[in-house]
C-alpha atoms as a PDB file:
ATOM      1  CA  MET A   1     -57.318 -73.495  -4.236  1.00  0.00           C
ATOM      2  CA  ALA A   2     -55.969 -73.217  -7.728  1.00  0.00           C
ATOM      3  CA  ALA A   3     -56.180 -70.861 -10.683  1.00  0.00           C
ATOM      4  CA  GLY A   4     -55.874 -72.132 -14.229  1.00  0.00           C
ATOM      5  CA  ALA A   5     -55.049 -69.710 -17.031  1.00  0.00           C
ATOM      6  CA  TYR A   6     -56.677 -70.464 -20.365  1.00  0.00           C
ATOM      7  CA  PRO A   7     -55.948 -70.687 -23.291  1.00  0.00           C
ATOM      8  CA  HIS A   8     -52.350 -71.031 -22.041  1.00  0.00           C
ATOM      9  CA  HIS A   9     -51.825 -74.798 -21.651  1.00  0.00           C
ATOM     10  CA  PRO A  10     -48.489 -75.831 -20.129  1.00  0.00           C
ATOM     11  CA  ILE A  11     -50.483 -78.710 -18.628  1.00  0.00           C
ATOM     12  CA  HIS A  12     -53.562 -79.989 -20.468  1.00  0.00           C
ATOM     13  CA  PRO A  13     -56.660 -78.345 -18.916  1.00  0.00           C
ATOM     14  CA  ASP A  14     -58.446 -81.676 -18.440  1.00  0.00           C
ATOM     15  CA  LEU A  15     -55.444 -83.008 -16.519  1.00  0.00           C
ATOM     16  CA  GLU A  16     -55.361 -79.880 -14.344  1.00  0.00           C
ATOM     17  CA  ARG A  17     -59.076 -80.276 -13.589  1.00  0.00           C
ATOM     18  CA  PHE A  18     -58.609 -83.974 -12.803  1.00  0.00           C
ATOM     19  CA  MET A  19     -55.712 -83.307 -10.418  1.00  0.00           C
ATOM     20  CA  ALA A  20     -57.631 -80.501  -8.694  1.00  0.00           C
ATOM     21  CA  SER A  21     -60.688 -82.721  -8.235  1.00  0.00           C
ATOM     22  CA  ARG A  22     -58.529 -85.477  -6.735  1.00  0.00           C
ATOM     23  CA  MET A  23     -57.188 -82.948  -4.230  1.00  0.00           C
ATOM     24  CA  GLY A  24     -60.721 -81.781  -3.488  1.00  0.00           C
ATOM     25  CA  THR A  25     -59.754 -78.173  -4.072  1.00  0.00           C
ATOM     26  CA  HIS A  26     -61.738 -75.185  -5.291  1.00  0.00           C
ATOM     27  CA  THR A  27     -60.548 -73.933  -8.662  1.00  0.00           C
ATOM     28  CA  ILE A  28     -61.170 -70.982 -10.932  1.00  0.00           C
ATOM     29  CA  GLU A  29     -60.392 -70.677 -14.626  1.00  0.00           C
ATOM     30  CA  ILE A  30     -59.118 -67.334 -15.847  1.00  0.00           C
ATOM     31  CA  PRO A  31     -59.140 -66.459 -19.569  1.00  0.00           C
ATOM     32  CA  ALA A  32     -55.509 -65.320 -19.605  1.00  0.00           C
ATOM     33  CA  SER A  33     -51.981 -66.280 -20.479  1.00  0.00           C
ATOM     34  CA  HIS A  34     -49.513 -67.530 -17.885  1.00  0.00           C
ATOM     35  CA  VAL A  35     -49.328 -63.994 -16.457  1.00  0.00           C
ATOM     36  CA  SER A  36     -52.836 -63.999 -14.983  1.00  0.00           C
ATOM     37  CA  LEU A  37     -51.414 -62.393 -11.824  1.00  0.00           C
ATOM     38  CA  ILE A  38     -50.808 -59.270 -13.903  1.00  0.00           C
ATOM     39  CA  SER A  39     -53.741 -59.340 -16.328  1.00  0.00           C
ATOM     40  CA  HIS A  40     -56.398 -60.383 -13.764  1.00  0.00           C
ATOM     41  CA  PRO A  41     -55.092 -59.250 -10.373  1.00  0.00           C
ATOM     42  CA  GLN A  42     -58.506 -58.951  -8.691  1.00  0.00           C
ATOM     43  CA  GLU A  43     -59.570 -62.497  -9.541  1.00  0.00           C
ATOM     44  CA  VAL A  44     -56.257 -63.890  -8.283  1.00  0.00           C
ATOM     45  CA  ALA A  45     -56.363 -61.729  -5.132  1.00  0.00           C
ATOM     46  CA  ASN A  46     -59.918 -62.887  -4.401  1.00  0.00           C
ATOM     47  CA  LEU A  47     -58.837 -66.523  -4.746  1.00  0.00           C
ATOM     48  CA  ILE A  48     -55.966 -65.966  -2.305  1.00  0.00           C
ATOM     49  CA  LEU A  49     -58.252 -64.169   0.162  1.00  0.00           C
ATOM     50  CA  GLN A  50     -60.811 -66.963  -0.106  1.00  0.00           C
ATOM     51  CA  ALA A  51     -58.113 -69.577   0.549  1.00  0.00           C
ATOM     52  CA  ALA A  52     -57.029 -67.594   3.615  1.00  0.00           C
ATOM     53  CA  GLY A  53     -60.611 -67.488   4.921  1.00  0.00           C
ATOM     54  CA  GLN A  54     -61.028 -63.757   4.279  1.00  0.00           C
ATOM     55  CA  GLU A  55     -63.863 -61.897   2.556  1.00  0.00           C
ATOM     56  CA  THR A  56     -63.313 -61.102  -1.096  1.00  0.00           C
ATOM     57  CA  HIS A  57     -63.683 -57.652  -2.633  1.00  0.00           C
END
């Protein structure tokens, strides 16, 4: 599982998507800066819960 924050681009988004697809992981894209944990806590928490096999809220 991975979360990409956009439009913040420390790594080019296409490269991030390519690497995630090679790993076969589920990804989400969050319209946020590099502090998506603060600006979008529910989306990030749901991703973590999903990765842990829990139900999301």
